Amino acid sequence: MTLPKNIHSADRHANSAPSPGSSGAHATVEVRGRDIVSVRTSYAPDPDGDPDPGEIVWTWVPYEENDGRGKDRPVLVVAAEEGGTVLGVQLTSRSHDDDHEWVGIGSGPWDREGRESWVDLDRVLRIHDDGMRREACALERDRFDHVVQRLRERYGWR
């Protein structure tokens, strides 16, 4: 169904299928990093259509207000969990050079405009395999290791 161009973007999206990860059993949710006891981080990107540690994937991410709203965003997957979920941290292209809760990871093919990106250490997300919209790319190992080291320092992960 094609909607007329004069209909606002929000109205067009209201009639489309929900984004993977936005609702139901496979919804992407924020979790408290300190509450996760057993986290096994590893670098294991595999272009197989599933989210793997070391990959940047696109999924629906809830807004910090946790009011049911959110948007499709890139997320760096940092650890696999049992049961078909992974842990990740969201990316942004908004500069956070002076913010200790964010880590710069440079630019890459996940951003069409080639902008620098930062990951938010303060927001850990649980993503279901079926809640991922698409794989973007693997992040270089040294950049991944730097993010994981900062997460270990922050949350006591091993």
C-alpha atoms as a PDB file:
ATOM      1  CA  MET A   1       0.000   0.000   0.000  1.00  0.00           C
ATOM      2  CA  THR A   2       1.466   3.352  -1.036  1.00  0.00           C
ATOM      3  CA  LEU A   3       0.380   6.357   0.973  1.00  0.00           C
ATOM      4  CA  PRO A   4       0.136   9.816  -0.536  1.00  0.00           C
ATOM      5  CA  LYS A   5       3.241  11.951  -0.130  1.00  0.00           C
ATOM      6  CA  ASN A   6       1.305  14.623   1.752  1.00  0.00           C
ATOM      7  CA  ILE A   7       0.763  12.265   4.695  1.00  0.00           C
ATOM      8  CA  HIS A   8       3.246  12.936   7.478  1.00  0.00           C
ATOM      9  CA  SER A   9       6.099  10.489   7.960  1.00  0.00           C
ATOM     10  CA  ALA A  10       4.807   9.411  11.385  1.00  0.00           C
ATOM     11  CA  ASP A  11       1.454   8.505   9.832  1.00  0.00           C
ATOM     12  CA  ARG A  12       3.163   6.449   7.113  1.00  0.00           C
ATOM     13  CA  HIS A  13       5.174   4.547   9.721  1.00  0.00           C
ATOM     14  CA  ALA A  14       2.071   3.900  11.816  1.00  0.00           C
ATOM     15  CA  ASN A  15       0.721   1.752   8.972  1.00  0.00           C
ATOM     16  CA  SER A  16       3.921  -0.245   8.446  1.00  0.00           C
ATOM     17  CA  ALA A  17       4.997  -3.446  10.162  1.00  0.00           C
ATOM     18  CA  PRO A  18       6.733  -2.970  13.527  1.00  0.00           C
ATOM     19  CA  SER A  19      10.525  -2.968  13.502  1.00  0.00           C
ATOM     20  CA  PRO A  20      12.148  -6.189  14.750  1.00  0.00           C
ATOM     21  CA  GLY A  21      12.995  -5.828  18.434  1.00  0.00           C
ATOM     22  CA  SER A  22      10.318  -3.214  19.124  1.00  0.00           C
ATOM     23  CA  SER A  23       7.749  -5.358  20.935  1.00  0.00           C
ATOM     24  CA  GLY A  24       6.733  -8.770  22.132  1.00  0.00           C
ATOM     25  CA  ALA A  25       8.893 -11.662  23.242  1.00  0.00           C
ATOM     26  CA  HIS A  26      11.826 -10.543  21.059  1.00  0.00           C
ATOM     27  CA  ALA A  27      11.873  -6.901  22.145  1.00  0.00           C
ATOM     28  CA  THR A  28      15.231  -5.246  22.742  1.00  0.00           C
ATOM     29  CA  VAL A  29      15.369  -4.172  26.399  1.00  0.00           C
ATOM     30  CA  GLU A  30      17.749  -2.214  28.593  1.00  0.00           C
ATOM     31  CA  VAL A  31      19.341  -4.232  31.401  1.00  0.00           C
ATOM     32  CA  ARG A  32      21.446  -3.175  34.379  1.00  0.00           C
ATOM     33  CA  GLY A  33      25.059  -4.049  33.576  1.00  0.00           C
ATOM     34  CA  ARG A  34      25.952  -4.582  37.235  1.00  0.00           C
ATOM     35  CA  ASP A  35      23.132  -7.106  37.652  1.00  0.00           C
ATOM     36  CA  ILE A  36      24.500  -9.436  34.984  1.00  0.00           C
ATOM     37  CA  VAL A  37      26.750 -11.834  36.850  1.00  0.00           C
ATOM     38  CA  SER A  38      28.128 -14.124  34.178  1.00  0.00           C
ATOM     39  CA  VAL A  39      29.192 -12.222  31.072  1.00  0.00           C
ATOM     40  CA  ARG A  40      31.538 -13.890  28.614  1.00  0.00           C
ATOM     41  CA  THR A  41      32.744 -11.331  26.144  1.00  0.00           C
ATOM     42  CA  SER A  42      34.386 -12.644  23.018  1.00  0.00           C
ATOM     43  CA  TYR A  43      35.220 -11.417  19.553  1.00  0.00           C
ATOM     44  CA  ALA A  44      33.375 -13.714  17.157  1.00  0.00           C
ATOM     45  CA  PRO A  45      31.899 -11.838  14.183  1.00  0.00           C
ATOM     46  CA  ASP A  46      30.301 -14.108  11.596  1.00  0.00           C
ATOM     47  CA  PRO A  47      28.284 -12.728   8.649  1.00  0.00           C
ATOM     48  CA  ASP A  48      25.555 -15.330   9.145  1.00  0.00           C
ATOM     49  CA  GLY A  49      22.530 -13.088   9.688  1.00  0.00           C
ATOM     50  CA  ASP A  50      22.604 -13.465  13.493  1.00  0.00           C
ATOM     51  CA  PRO A  51      24.004 -10.900  15.942  1.00  0.00           C
ATOM     52  CA  ASP A  52      27.486 -11.971  17.079  1.00  0.00           C
ATOM     53  CA  PRO A  53      30.016 -10.341  19.449  1.00  0.00           C
ATOM     54  CA  GLY A  54      32.170  -7.913  17.512  1.00  0.00           C
ATOM     55  CA  GLU A  55      29.430  -6.969  15.050  1.00  0.00           C
ATOM     56  CA  ILE A  56      27.492  -3.774  14.714  1.00  0.00           C
ATOM     57  CA  VAL A  57      23.846  -4.627  14.099  1.00  0.00           C
ATOM     58  CA  TRP A  58      20.701  -2.574  13.656  1.00  0.00           C
ATOM     59  CA  THR A  59      17.787  -3.107  16.036  1.00  0.00           C
ATOM     60  CA  TRP A  60      15.023  -1.114  17.646  1.00  0.00           C
ATOM     61  CA  VAL A  61      16.327   0.562  20.833  1.00  0.00           C
ATOM     62  CA  PRO A  62      13.975   1.914  23.512  1.00  0.00           C
ATOM     63  CA  TYR A  63      14.357   5.546  24.511  1.00  0.00           C
ATOM     64  CA  GLU A  64      15.852   6.071  27.968  1.00  0.00           C
ATOM     65  CA  GLU A  65      12.425   7.114  29.268  1.00  0.00           C
ATOM     66  CA  ASN A  66      11.242   3.497  28.788  1.00  0.00           C
ATOM     67  CA  ASP A  67       7.801   4.708  27.773  1.00  0.00           C
ATOM     68  CA  GLY A  68       7.357   2.317  24.850  1.00  0.00           C
ATOM     69  CA  ARG A  69       8.948   4.628  22.292  1.00  0.00           C
ATOM     70  CA  GLY A  70      12.276   4.043  20.588  1.00  0.00           C
ATOM     71  CA  LYS A  71      13.992   3.990  17.231  1.00  0.00           C
ATOM     72  CA  ASP A  72      16.089   1.817  14.963  1.00  0.00           C
ATOM     73  CA  ARG A  73      19.767   2.259  15.902  1.00  0.00           C
ATOM     74  CA  PRO A  74      23.166   0.650  15.421  1.00  0.00           C
ATOM     75  CA  VAL A  75      24.353  -1.424  18.398  1.00  0.00           C
ATOM     76  CA  LEU A  76      27.750  -3.018  19.064  1.00  0.00           C
ATOM     77  CA  VAL A  77      27.276  -6.621  20.216  1.00  0.00           C
ATOM     78  CA  VAL A  78      29.741  -7.381  23.048  1.00  0.00           C
ATOM     79  CA  ALA A  79      28.666 -10.762  24.471  1.00  0.00           C
ATOM     80  CA  ALA A  80      26.518 -13.788  23.677  1.00  0.00           C
ATOM     81  CA  GLU A  81      24.133 -15.201  26.269  1.00  0.00           C
ATOM     82  CA  GLU A  82      22.443 -18.563  26.437  1.00  0.00           C
ATOM     83  CA  GLY A  83      18.956 -18.737  25.016  1.00  0.00           C
ATOM     84  CA  GLY A  84      19.418 -16.741  21.826  1.00  0.00           C
ATOM     85  CA  THR A  85      20.197 -13.307  23.252  1.00  0.00           C
ATOM     86  CA  VAL A  86      23.241 -11.050  23.088  1.00  0.00           C
ATOM     87  CA  LEU A  87      24.347  -7.988  25.029  1.00  0.00           C
ATOM     88  CA  GLY A  88      25.168  -4.769  23.239  1.00  0.00           C
ATOM     89  CA  VAL A  89      25.741  -1.043  23.620  1.00  0.00           C
ATOM     90  CA  GLN A  90      24.140   1.583  21.405  1.00  0.00           C
ATOM     91  CA  LEU A  91      26.020   3.841  19.021  1.00  0.00           C
ATOM     92  CA  THR A  92      25.508   7.491  18.256  1.00  0.00           C
ATOM     93  CA  SER A  93      27.123   9.931  15.863  1.00  0.00           C
ATOM     94  CA  ARG A  94      26.578  12.803  18.293  1.00  0.00           C
ATOM     95  CA  SER A  95      29.973  13.807  19.728  1.00  0.00           C
ATOM     96  CA  HIS A  96      30.707  12.694  23.300  1.00  0.00           C
ATOM     97  CA  ASP A  97      34.445  13.425  23.428  1.00  0.00           C
ATOM     98  CA  ASP A  98      34.278  14.833  26.960  1.00  0.00           C
ATOM     99  CA  ASP A  99      31.864  12.277  28.429  1.00  0.00           C
ATOM    100  CA  HIS A 100      33.440   9.375  30.353  1.00  0.00           C
ATOM    101  CA  GLU A 101      30.326   7.211  29.893  1.00  0.00           C
ATOM    102  CA  TRP A 102      30.932   7.095  26.122  1.00  0.00           C
ATOM    103  CA  VAL A 103      33.793   5.537  24.134  1.00  0.00           C
ATOM    104  CA  GLY A 104      34.777   6.759  20.683  1.00  0.00           C
ATOM    105  CA  ILE A 105      35.064   3.978  18.097  1.00  0.00           C
ATOM    106  CA  GLY A 106      35.764   6.049  14.999  1.00  0.00           C
ATOM    107  CA  SER A 107      33.867   5.717  11.757  1.00  0.00           C
ATOM    108  CA  GLY A 108      32.829   2.755   9.662  1.00  0.00           C
ATOM    109  CA  PRO A 109      30.351   1.349   7.159  1.00  0.00           C
ATOM    110  CA  TRP A 110      27.527   1.272   9.726  1.00  0.00           C
ATOM    111  CA  ASP A 111      27.114   5.028   9.108  1.00  0.00           C
ATOM    112  CA  ARG A 112      26.362   5.962   5.492  1.00  0.00           C
ATOM    113  CA  GLU A 113      27.797   9.440   6.019  1.00  0.00           C
ATOM    114  CA  GLY A 114      31.076   8.148   7.481  1.00  0.00           C
ATOM    115  CA  ARG A 115      30.635  10.079  10.735  1.00  0.00           C
ATOM    116  CA  GLU A 116      32.599   9.331  13.904  1.00  0.00           C
ATOM    117  CA  SER A 117      30.656   7.201  16.394  1.00  0.00           C
ATOM    118  CA  TRP A 118      30.574   6.673  20.153  1.00  0.00           C
ATOM    119  CA  VAL A 119      29.161   3.814  22.245  1.00  0.00           C
ATOM    120  CA  ASP A 120      27.187   4.416  25.436  1.00  0.00           C
ATOM    121  CA  LEU A 121      28.704   2.393  28.300  1.00  0.00           C
ATOM    122  CA  ASP A 122      25.824   3.364  30.566  1.00  0.00           C
ATOM    123  CA  ARG A 123      23.123   1.536  28.567  1.00  0.00           C
ATOM    124  CA  VAL A 124      23.471  -2.213  28.164  1.00  0.00           C
ATOM    125  CA  LEU A 125      20.883  -3.757  25.861  1.00  0.00           C
ATOM    126  CA  ARG A 126      19.646  -7.340  25.586  1.00  0.00           C
ATOM    127  CA  ILE A 127      18.926  -8.198  21.960  1.00  0.00           C
ATOM    128  CA  HIS A 128      17.186 -11.348  20.748  1.00  0.00           C
ATOM    129  CA  ASP A 129      18.386 -12.985  17.556  1.00  0.00           C
ATOM    130  CA  ASP A 130      14.917 -12.442  16.085  1.00  0.00           C
ATOM    131  CA  GLY A 131      14.890  -8.823  17.282  1.00  0.00           C
ATOM    132  CA  MET A 132      17.758  -7.742  15.043  1.00  0.00           C
ATOM    133  CA  ARG A 133      16.869  -5.993  11.802  1.00  0.00           C
ATOM    134  CA  ARG A 134      20.217  -6.470  10.018  1.00  0.00           C
ATOM    135  CA  GLU A 135      23.951  -6.915  10.433  1.00  0.00           C
ATOM    136  CA  ALA A 136      25.997  -3.882   9.439  1.00  0.00           C
ATOM    137  CA  CYS A 137      29.628  -4.998   9.763  1.00  0.00           C
ATOM    138  CA  ALA A 138      32.308  -6.310  12.094  1.00  0.00           C
ATOM    139  CA  LEU A 139      34.131  -3.741  14.216  1.00  0.00           C
ATOM    140  CA  GLU A 140      37.935  -4.042  14.138  1.00  0.00           C
ATOM    141  CA  ARG A 141      39.274  -6.196  16.977  1.00  0.00           C
ATOM    142  CA  ASP A 142      41.293  -3.454  18.701  1.00  0.00           C
ATOM    143  CA  ARG A 143      38.288  -1.109  18.840  1.00  0.00           C
ATOM    144  CA  PHE A 144      36.082  -3.940  20.149  1.00  0.00           C
ATOM    145  CA  ASP A 145      38.665  -4.857  22.821  1.00  0.00           C
ATOM    146  CA  HIS A 146      38.838  -1.242  23.997  1.00  0.00           C
ATOM    147  CA  VAL A 147      35.047  -1.053  24.463  1.00  0.00           C
ATOM    148  CA  VAL A 148      34.959  -4.424  26.251  1.00  0.00           C
ATOM    149  CA  GLN A 149      37.790  -3.378  28.589  1.00  0.00           C
ATOM    150  CA  ARG A 150      35.855  -0.257  29.577  1.00  0.00           C
ATOM    151  CA  LEU A 151      32.698  -2.346  30.160  1.00  0.00           C
ATOM    152  CA  ARG A 152      34.666  -4.782  32.352  1.00  0.00           C
ATOM    153  CA  GLU A 153      36.040  -1.898  34.413  1.00  0.00           C
ATOM    154  CA  ARG A 154      32.592  -0.364  34.784  1.00  0.00           C
ATOM    155  CA  TYR A 155      30.561  -3.490  35.580  1.00  0.00           C
ATOM    156  CA  GLY A 156      33.105  -5.992  36.926  1.00  0.00           C
ATOM    157  CA  TRP A 157      32.562  -8.380  34.011  1.00  0.00           C
ATOM    158  CA  ARG A 158      35.194 -11.047  33.362  1.00  0.00           C
END
